[in-house]
Every structure is written in C-alpha cells, then in structure tokens.
Amino acid sequence: IEKKVGVTYDKYLWLKAQHSKLTKNQKNFSK
C-alpha cells in the first residue's frame, strides 16, 4: 500500500486513529 499511496505508515496510523475516534470504533482504535 505505501508504494501506491505515497504516505508513510506512521501518518496512516495517526489518521486511522483519528478516523476510529470520530466513528467511535474502539476495536480499530485499540488495534
């Protein structure tokens, strides 16, 4: 995925955490 999107894994994790908090998805947030 990183090669296709051009975004590092740490930025992915940070934004995924924000997304999980906003959607109240505790399982994803924990992961």
PDB file of all heavy atoms in Angstrom:
ATOM      1  N   ILE A   1       0.810  -1.223   0.000  1.00  0.00           N
ATOM      2  CA  ILE A   1       0.000   0.000   0.000  1.00  0.00           C
ATOM      3  C   ILE A   1       0.837   1.263   0.000  1.00  0.00           C
ATOM      4  O   ILE A   1       0.530   2.215  -0.722  1.00  0.00           O
ATOM      5  CB  ILE A   1      -0.985  -0.019   1.191  1.00  0.00           C
ATOM      6  CG1 ILE A   1      -1.944  -1.190   1.021  1.00  0.00           C
ATOM      7  CG2 ILE A   1      -1.731   1.289   1.306  1.00  0.00           C
ATOM      8  CD1 ILE A   1      -2.840  -1.461   2.190  1.00  0.00           C
ATOM      9  N   GLU A   2       1.901   1.290   0.782  1.00  0.00           N
ATOM     10  CA  GLU A   2       2.717   2.510   0.895  1.00  0.00           C
ATOM     11  C   GLU A   2       3.235   2.967  -0.467  1.00  0.00           C
ATOM     12  O   GLU A   2       3.247   4.158  -0.766  1.00  0.00           O
ATOM     13  CB  GLU A   2       3.875   2.286   1.853  1.00  0.00           C
ATOM     14  CG  GLU A   2       4.656   3.551   2.156  1.00  0.00           C
ATOM     15  CD  GLU A   2       5.694   3.345   3.232  1.00  0.00           C
ATOM     16  OE1 GLU A   2       6.324   2.268   3.267  1.00  0.00           O
ATOM     17  OE2 GLU A   2       5.881   4.262   4.040  1.00  0.00           O
ATOM     18  N   LYS A   3       3.625   2.030  -1.310  1.00  0.00           N
ATOM     19  CA  LYS A   3       4.127   2.376  -2.640  1.00  0.00           C
ATOM     20  C   LYS A   3       3.034   3.007  -3.505  1.00  0.00           C
ATOM     21  O   LYS A   3       3.317   3.875  -4.321  1.00  0.00           O
ATOM     22  CB  LYS A   3       4.659   1.133  -3.343  1.00  0.00           C
ATOM     23  CG  LYS A   3       5.854   0.523  -2.674  1.00  0.00           C
ATOM     24  CD  LYS A   3       6.207  -0.800  -3.316  1.00  0.00           C
ATOM     25  CE  LYS A   3       7.237  -1.540  -2.500  1.00  0.00           C
ATOM     26  NZ  LYS A   3       7.493  -2.894  -3.001  1.00  0.00           N
ATOM     27  N   LYS A   4       1.813   2.565  -3.323  1.00  0.00           N
ATOM     28  CA  LYS A   4       0.701   3.054  -4.142  1.00  0.00           C
ATOM     29  C   LYS A   4       0.178   4.403  -3.681  1.00  0.00           C
ATOM     30  O   LYS A   4      -0.242   5.217  -4.498  1.00  0.00           O
ATOM     31  CB  LYS A   4      -0.439   2.037  -4.140  1.00  0.00           C
ATOM     32  CG  LYS A   4      -0.071   0.738  -4.806  1.00  0.00           C
ATOM     33  CD  LYS A   4      -1.174  -0.276  -4.688  1.00  0.00           C
ATOM     34  CE  LYS A   4      -0.740  -1.614  -5.269  1.00  0.00           C
ATOM     35  NZ  LYS A   4      -1.735  -2.651  -5.057  1.00  0.00           N
ATOM     36  N   VAL A   5       0.172   4.626  -2.370  1.00  0.00           N
ATOM     37  CA  VAL A   5      -0.409   5.873  -1.855  1.00  0.00           C
ATOM     38  C   VAL A   5       0.640   6.936  -1.553  1.00  0.00           C
ATOM     39  O   VAL A   5       0.319   8.116  -1.494  1.00  0.00           O
ATOM     40  CB  VAL A   5      -1.290   5.632  -0.608  1.00  0.00           C
ATOM     41  CG1 VAL A   5      -2.461   4.740  -0.940  1.00  0.00           C
ATOM     42  CG2 VAL A   5      -0.499   5.086   0.550  1.00  0.00           C
ATOM     43  N   GLY A   6       1.886   6.530  -1.336  1.00  0.00           N
ATOM     44  CA  GLY A   6       2.947   7.501  -1.092  1.00  0.00           C
ATOM     45  C   GLY A   6       2.870   8.170   0.265  1.00  0.00           C
ATOM     46  O   GLY A   6       3.293   9.313   0.420  1.00  0.00           O
ATOM     47  N   VAL A   7       2.312   7.479   1.253  1.00  0.00           N
ATOM     48  CA  VAL A   7       2.186   8.024   2.603  1.00  0.00           C
ATOM     49  C   VAL A   7       2.785   7.008   3.577  1.00  0.00           C
ATOM     50  O   VAL A   7       2.508   5.816   3.472  1.00  0.00           O
ATOM     51  CB  VAL A   7       0.702   8.296   2.959  1.00  0.00           C
ATOM     52  CG1 VAL A   7       0.561   8.824   4.370  1.00  0.00           C
ATOM     53  CG2 VAL A   7       0.078   9.254   1.964  1.00  0.00           C
ATOM     54  N   THR A   8       3.568   7.483   4.520  1.00  0.00           N
ATOM     55  CA  THR A   8       4.241   6.585   5.460  1.00  0.00           C
ATOM     56  C   THR A   8       3.245   5.936   6.418  1.00  0.00           C
ATOM     57  O   THR A   8       2.136   6.431   6.635  1.00  0.00           O
ATOM     58  CB  THR A   8       5.287   7.353   6.289  1.00  0.00           C
ATOM     59  OG1 THR A   8       4.640   8.392   7.001  1.00  0.00           O
ATOM     60  CG2 THR A   8       6.384   7.900   5.398  1.00  0.00           C
ATOM     61  N   TYR A   9       3.690   4.840   7.008  1.00  0.00           N
ATOM     62  CA  TYR A   9       2.830   4.067   7.911  1.00  0.00           C
ATOM     63  C   TYR A   9       2.486   4.852   9.168  1.00  0.00           C
ATOM     64  O   TYR A   9       1.372   4.748   9.675  1.00  0.00           O
ATOM     65  CB  TYR A   9       3.510   2.746   8.266  1.00  0.00           C
ATOM     66  CG  TYR A   9       2.590   1.773   8.962  1.00  0.00           C
ATOM     67  CD1 TYR A   9       1.430   1.312   8.339  1.00  0.00           C
ATOM     68  CD2 TYR A   9       2.867   1.313  10.235  1.00  0.00           C
ATOM     69  CE1 TYR A   9       0.580   0.410   8.966  1.00  0.00           C
ATOM     70  CE2 TYR A   9       2.028   0.402  10.867  1.00  0.00           C
ATOM     71  CZ  TYR A   9       0.887  -0.032  10.227  1.00  0.00           C
ATOM     72  OH  TYR A   9       0.047  -0.918  10.848  1.00  0.00           O
ATOM     73  N   ASP A  10       3.402   5.660   9.673  1.00  0.00           N
ATOM     74  CA  ASP A  10       3.078   6.421  10.884  1.00  0.00           C
ATOM     75  C   ASP A  10       1.985   7.453  10.633  1.00  0.00           C
ATOM     76  O   ASP A  10       1.105   7.640  11.472  1.00  0.00           O
ATOM     77  CB  ASP A  10       4.319   7.047  11.504  1.00  0.00           C
ATOM     78  CG  ASP A  10       5.038   8.022  10.601  1.00  0.00           C
ATOM     79  OD1 ASP A  10       5.025   7.836   9.373  1.00  0.00           O
ATOM     80  OD2 ASP A  10       5.632   8.980  11.142  1.00  0.00           O
ATOM     81  N   LYS A  11       1.994   8.079   9.463  1.00  0.00           N
ATOM     82  CA  LYS A  11       0.907   9.022   9.146  1.00  0.00           C
ATOM     83  C   LYS A  11      -0.402   8.279   8.926  1.00  0.00           C
ATOM     84  O   LYS A  11      -1.472   8.768   9.289  1.00  0.00           O
ATOM     85  CB  LYS A  11       1.271   9.885   7.950  1.00  0.00           C
ATOM     86  CG  LYS A  11       2.322  10.904   8.311  1.00  0.00           C
ATOM     87  CD  LYS A  11       2.519  11.936   7.263  1.00  0.00           C
ATOM     88  CE  LYS A  11       3.607  12.884   7.732  1.00  0.00           C
ATOM     89  NZ  LYS A  11       3.941  13.869   6.740  1.00  0.00           N
ATOM     90  N   TYR A  12      -0.308   7.102   8.307  1.00  0.00           N
ATOM     91  CA  TYR A  12      -1.507   6.279   8.154  1.00  0.00           C
ATOM     92  C   TYR A  12      -2.101   5.956   9.527  1.00  0.00           C
ATOM     93  O   TYR A  12      -3.295   6.116   9.746  1.00  0.00           O
ATOM     94  CB  TYR A  12      -1.185   4.980   7.407  1.00  0.00           C
ATOM     95  CG  TYR A  12      -2.244   3.925   7.591  1.00  0.00           C
ATOM     96  CD1 TYR A  12      -3.463   4.031   6.938  1.00  0.00           C
ATOM     97  CD2 TYR A  12      -2.050   2.850   8.461  1.00  0.00           C
ATOM     98  CE1 TYR A  12      -4.464   3.086   7.144  1.00  0.00           C
ATOM     99  CE2 TYR A  12      -3.028   1.898   8.660  1.00  0.00           C
ATOM    100  CZ  TYR A  12      -4.243   2.024   7.995  1.00  0.00           C
ATOM    101  OH  TYR A  12      -5.235   1.100   8.209  1.00  0.00           O
ATOM    102  N   LEU A  13      -1.265   5.486  10.453  1.00  0.00           N
ATOM    103  CA  LEU A  13      -1.759   5.121  11.777  1.00  0.00           C
ATOM    104  C   LEU A  13      -2.370   6.320  12.500  1.00  0.00           C
ATOM    105  O   LEU A  13      -3.408   6.202  13.144  1.00  0.00           O
ATOM    106  CB  LEU A  13      -0.636   4.519  12.627  1.00  0.00           C
ATOM    107  CG  LEU A  13      -0.218   3.094  12.291  1.00  0.00           C
ATOM    108  CD1 LEU A  13       0.957   2.683  13.166  1.00  0.00           C
ATOM    109  CD2 LEU A  13      -1.372   2.123  12.447  1.00  0.00           C
ATOM    110  N   TRP A  14      -1.728   7.464  12.379  1.00  0.00           N
ATOM    111  CA  TRP A  14      -2.243   8.655  13.051  1.00  0.00           C
ATOM    112  C   TRP A  14      -3.636   9.018  12.523  1.00  0.00           C
ATOM    113  O   TRP A  14      -4.562   9.247  13.297  1.00  0.00           O
ATOM    114  CB  TRP A  14      -1.273   9.826  12.875  1.00  0.00           C
ATOM    115  CG  TRP A  14      -1.654  10.995  13.717  1.00  0.00           C
ATOM    116  CD1 TRP A  14      -1.303  11.217  15.015  1.00  0.00           C
ATOM    117  CD2 TRP A  14      -2.475  12.092  13.323  1.00  0.00           C
ATOM    118  NE1 TRP A  14      -1.875  12.379  15.452  1.00  0.00           N
ATOM    119  CE2 TRP A  14      -2.597  12.947  14.431  1.00  0.00           C
ATOM    120  CE3 TRP A  14      -3.129  12.447  12.142  1.00  0.00           C
ATOM    121  CZ2 TRP A  14      -3.333  14.125  14.401  1.00  0.00           C
ATOM    122  CZ3 TRP A  14      -3.863  13.619  12.115  1.00  0.00           C
ATOM    123  CH2 TRP A  14      -3.958  14.447  13.233  1.00  0.00           C
ATOM    124  N   LEU A  15      -3.765   9.053  11.198  1.00  0.00           N
ATOM    125  CA  LEU A  15      -5.066   9.397  10.621  1.00  0.00           C
ATOM    126  C   LEU A  15      -6.102   8.307  10.862  1.00  0.00           C
ATOM    127  O   LEU A  15      -7.282   8.598  11.084  1.00  0.00           O
ATOM    128  CB  LEU A  15      -4.938   9.678   9.123  1.00  0.00           C
ATOM    129  CG  LEU A  15      -4.608  11.118   8.793  1.00  0.00           C
ATOM    130  CD1 LEU A  15      -4.227  11.274   7.337  1.00  0.00           C
ATOM    131  CD2 LEU A  15      -5.777  12.017   9.118  1.00  0.00           C
ATOM    132  N   LYS A  16      -5.696   7.061  10.856  1.00  0.00           N
ATOM    133  CA  LYS A  16      -6.625   5.961  11.143  1.00  0.00           C
ATOM    134  C   LYS A  16      -7.113   6.055  12.581  1.00  0.00           C
ATOM    135  O   LYS A  16      -8.284   5.772  12.865  1.00  0.00           O
ATOM    136  CB  LYS A  16      -5.955   4.614  10.873  1.00  0.00           C
ATOM    137  CG  LYS A  16      -6.905   3.447  10.901  1.00  0.00           C
ATOM    138  CD  LYS A  16      -7.923   3.530   9.775  1.00  0.00           C
ATOM    139  CE  LYS A  16      -8.797   2.315   9.729  1.00  0.00           C
ATOM    140  NZ  LYS A  16      -9.791   2.375   8.667  1.00  0.00           N
ATOM    141  N   ALA A  17      -6.248   6.470  13.499  1.00  0.00           N
ATOM    142  CA  ALA A  17      -6.662   6.665  14.888  1.00  0.00           C
ATOM    143  C   ALA A  17      -7.707   7.777  14.984  1.00  0.00           C
ATOM    144  O   ALA A  17      -8.724   7.627  15.680  1.00  0.00           O
ATOM    145  CB  ALA A  17      -5.451   6.996  15.761  1.00  0.00           C
ATOM    146  N   GLN A  18      -7.478   8.867  14.278  1.00  0.00           N
ATOM    147  CA  GLN A  18      -8.448   9.973  14.280  1.00  0.00           C
ATOM    148  C   GLN A  18      -9.781   9.499  13.706  1.00  0.00           C
ATOM    149  O   GLN A  18     -10.845   9.802  14.247  1.00  0.00           O
ATOM    150  CB  GLN A  18      -7.924  11.164  13.472  1.00  0.00           C
ATOM    151  CG  GLN A  18      -6.602  11.719  13.962  1.00  0.00           C
ATOM    152  CD  GLN A  18      -6.618  12.066  15.426  1.00  0.00           C
ATOM    153  OE1 GLN A  18      -7.533  12.708  15.927  1.00  0.00           O
ATOM    154  NE2 GLN A  18      -5.609  11.619  16.141  1.00  0.00           N
ATOM    155  N   HIS A  19      -9.717   8.764  12.612  1.00  0.00           N
ATOM    156  CA  HIS A  19     -10.916   8.240  11.975  1.00  0.00           C
ATOM    157  C   HIS A  19     -11.664   7.303  12.923  1.00  0.00           C
ATOM    158  O   HIS A  19     -12.889   7.376  13.052  1.00  0.00           O
ATOM    159  CB  HIS A  19     -10.537   7.508  10.680  1.00  0.00           C
ATOM    160  CG  HIS A  19     -11.700   6.967   9.924  1.00  0.00           C
ATOM    161  ND1 HIS A  19     -12.147   5.674  10.098  1.00  0.00           N
ATOM    162  CD2 HIS A  19     -12.514   7.528   9.002  1.00  0.00           C
ATOM    163  CE1 HIS A  19     -13.177   5.463   9.314  1.00  0.00           C
ATOM    164  NE2 HIS A  19     -13.420   6.581   8.636  1.00  0.00           N
ATOM    165  N   SER A  20     -10.931   6.438  13.607  1.00  0.00           N
ATOM    166  CA  SER A  20     -11.548   5.482  14.535  1.00  0.00           C
ATOM    167  C   SER A  20     -12.209   6.194  15.713  1.00  0.00           C
ATOM    168  O   SER A  20     -13.283   5.787  16.167  1.00  0.00           O
ATOM    169  CB  SER A  20     -10.503   4.499  15.053  1.00  0.00           C
ATOM    170  OG  SER A  20      -9.961   3.762  13.989  1.00  0.00           O
ATOM    171  N   LYS A  21     -11.584   7.247  16.204  1.00  0.00           N
ATOM    172  CA  LYS A  21     -12.183   8.012  17.302  1.00  0.00           C
ATOM    173  C   LYS A  21     -13.468   8.704  16.844  1.00  0.00           C
ATOM    174  O   LYS A  21     -14.471   8.688  17.556  1.00  0.00           O
ATOM    175  CB  LYS A  21     -11.207   9.046  17.850  1.00  0.00           C
ATOM    176  CG  LYS A  21     -10.111   8.414  18.688  1.00  0.00           C
ATOM    177  CD  LYS A  21      -9.327   9.396  19.528  1.00  0.00           C
ATOM    178  CE  LYS A  21      -8.641  10.478  18.778  1.00  0.00           C
ATOM    179  NZ  LYS A  21      -7.706  11.273  19.587  1.00  0.00           N
ATOM    180  N   LEU A  22     -13.422   9.295  15.652  1.00  0.00           N
ATOM    181  CA  LEU A  22     -14.603  10.007  15.149  1.00  0.00           C
ATOM    182  C   LEU A  22     -15.772   9.066  14.862  1.00  0.00           C
ATOM    183  O   LEU A  22     -16.926   9.435  15.040  1.00  0.00           O
ATOM    184  CB  LEU A  22     -14.245  10.802  13.888  1.00  0.00           C
ATOM    185  CG  LEU A  22     -13.369  12.026  14.118  1.00  0.00           C
ATOM    186  CD1 LEU A  22     -12.866  12.574  12.783  1.00  0.00           C
ATOM    187  CD2 LEU A  22     -14.134  13.097  14.879  1.00  0.00           C
ATOM    188  N   THR A  23     -15.464   7.855  14.418  1.00  0.00           N
ATOM    189  CA  THR A  23     -16.528   6.894  14.123  1.00  0.00           C
ATOM    190  C   THR A  23     -16.862   6.018  15.327  1.00  0.00           C
ATOM    191  O   THR A  23     -17.694   5.123  15.228  1.00  0.00           O
ATOM    192  CB  THR A  23     -16.129   5.986  12.934  1.00  0.00           C
ATOM    193  OG1 THR A  23     -14.920   5.299  13.246  1.00  0.00           O
ATOM    194  CG2 THR A  23     -15.997   6.787  11.655  1.00  0.00           C
ATOM    195  N   LYS A  24     -16.175   6.296  16.443  1.00  0.00           N
ATOM    196  CA  LYS A  24     -16.393   5.553  17.688  1.00  0.00           C
ATOM    197  C   LYS A  24     -16.171   4.044  17.517  1.00  0.00           C
ATOM    198  O   LYS A  24     -16.919   3.227  18.045  1.00  0.00           O
ATOM    199  CB  LYS A  24     -17.772   5.848  18.257  1.00  0.00           C
ATOM    200  CG  LYS A  24     -17.958   7.290  18.652  1.00  0.00           C
ATOM    201  CD  LYS A  24     -19.342   7.535  19.183  1.00  0.00           C
ATOM    202  CE  LYS A  24     -19.588   8.878  19.750  1.00  0.00           C
ATOM    203  NZ  LYS A  24     -19.261  10.045  19.172  1.00  0.00           N
ATOM    204  N   ASN A  25     -15.133   3.713  16.758  1.00  0.00           N
ATOM    205  CA  ASN A  25     -14.774   2.314  16.520  1.00  0.00           C
ATOM    206  C   ASN A  25     -13.628   1.942  17.464  1.00  0.00           C
ATOM    207  O   ASN A  25     -12.453   2.074  17.123  1.00  0.00           O
ATOM    208  CB  ASN A  25     -14.380   2.115  15.055  1.00  0.00           C
ATOM    209  CG  ASN A  25     -14.175   0.664  14.707  1.00  0.00           C
ATOM    210  OD1 ASN A  25     -13.841  -0.150  15.545  1.00  0.00           O
ATOM    211  ND2 ASN A  25     -14.368   0.347  13.434  1.00  0.00           N
ATOM    212  N   GLN A  26     -13.979   1.487  18.645  1.00  0.00           N
ATOM    213  CA  GLN A  26     -12.993   1.192  19.681  1.00  0.00           C
ATOM    214  C   GLN A  26     -12.072   0.044  19.286  1.00  0.00           C
ATOM    215  O   GLN A  26     -10.891   0.040  19.622  1.00  0.00           O
ATOM    216  CB  GLN A  26     -13.693   0.886  21.005  1.00  0.00           C
ATOM    217  CG  GLN A  26     -12.743   0.738  22.163  1.00  0.00           C
ATOM    218  CD  GLN A  26     -11.906   1.983  22.424  1.00  0.00           C
ATOM    219  OE1 GLN A  26     -12.399   3.101  22.330  1.00  0.00           O
ATOM    220  NE2 GLN A  26     -10.639   1.800  22.723  1.00  0.00           N
ATOM    221  N   LYS A  27     -12.597  -0.932  18.561  1.00  0.00           N
ATOM    222  CA  LYS A  27     -11.772  -2.074  18.143  1.00  0.00           C
ATOM    223  C   LYS A  27     -10.628  -1.610  17.243  1.00  0.00           C
ATOM    224  O   LYS A  27      -9.474  -1.988  17.451  1.00  0.00           O
ATOM    225  CB  LYS A  27     -12.645  -3.096  17.421  1.00  0.00           C
ATOM    226  CG  LYS A  27     -11.912  -4.335  16.997  1.00  0.00           C
ATOM    227  CD  LYS A  27     -12.829  -5.314  16.299  1.00  0.00           C
ATOM    228  CE  LYS A  27     -12.076  -6.513  15.786  1.00  0.00           C
ATOM    229  NZ  LYS A  27     -12.921  -7.400  14.996  1.00  0.00           N
ATOM    230  N   ASN A  28     -10.944  -0.795  16.241  1.00  0.00           N
ATOM    231  CA  ASN A  28      -9.907  -0.276  15.353  1.00  0.00           C
ATOM    232  C   ASN A  28      -8.946   0.638  16.108  1.00  0.00           C
ATOM    233  O   ASN A  28      -7.740   0.602  15.880  1.00  0.00           O
ATOM    234  CB  ASN A  28     -10.515   0.472  14.172  1.00  0.00           C
ATOM    235  CG  ASN A  28     -10.934  -0.447  13.054  1.00  0.00           C
ATOM    236  OD1 ASN A  28     -10.692  -1.648  13.101  1.00  0.00           O
ATOM    237  ND2 ASN A  28     -11.571   0.105  12.050  1.00  0.00           N
ATOM    238  N   PHE A  29      -9.475   1.456  17.003  1.00  0.00           N
ATOM    239  CA  PHE A  29      -8.627   2.370  17.764  1.00  0.00           C
ATOM    240  C   PHE A  29      -7.620   1.586  18.607  1.00  0.00           C
ATOM    241  O   PHE A  29      -6.445   1.934  18.676  1.00  0.00           O
ATOM    242  CB  PHE A  29      -9.471   3.296  18.631  1.00  0.00           C
ATOM    243  CG  PHE A  29      -8.669   4.359  19.312  1.00  0.00           C
ATOM    244  CD1 PHE A  29      -8.105   5.394  18.587  1.00  0.00           C
ATOM    245  CD2 PHE A  29      -8.457   4.317  20.678  1.00  0.00           C
ATOM    246  CE1 PHE A  29      -7.341   6.372  19.214  1.00  0.00           C
ATOM    247  CE2 PHE A  29      -7.701   5.282  21.312  1.00  0.00           C
ATOM    248  CZ  PHE A  29      -7.142   6.317  20.579  1.00  0.00           C
ATOM    249  N   SER A  30      -8.066   0.517  19.226  1.00  0.00           N
ATOM    250  CA  SER A  30      -7.166  -0.324  20.031  1.00  0.00           C
ATOM    251  C   SER A  30      -6.082  -0.958  19.171  1.00  0.00           C
ATOM    252  O   SER A  30      -4.914  -1.045  19.573  1.00  0.00           O
ATOM    253  CB  SER A  30      -7.958  -1.421  20.737  1.00  0.00           C
ATOM    254  OG  SER A  30      -8.852  -0.869  21.646  1.00  0.00           O
ATOM    255  N   LYS A  31      -6.463  -1.409  17.991  1.00  0.00           N
ATOM    256  CA  LYS A  31      -5.501  -2.025  17.070  1.00  0.00           C
ATOM    257  C   LYS A  31      -4.464  -0.987  16.621  1.00  0.00           C
ATOM    258  O   LYS A  31      -3.268  -1.283  16.571  1.00  0.00           O
ATOM    259  CB  LYS A  31      -6.234  -2.605  15.863  1.00  0.00           C
ATOM    260  CG  LYS A  31      -5.374  -3.405  14.933  1.00  0.00           C
ATOM    261  CD  LYS A  31      -4.704  -4.578  15.573  1.00  0.00           C
ATOM    262  CE  LYS A  31      -5.594  -5.781  15.634  1.00  0.00           C
ATOM    263  NZ  LYS A  31      -4.883  -6.979  16.116  1.00  0.00           N
TER     264      LYS A  31
END
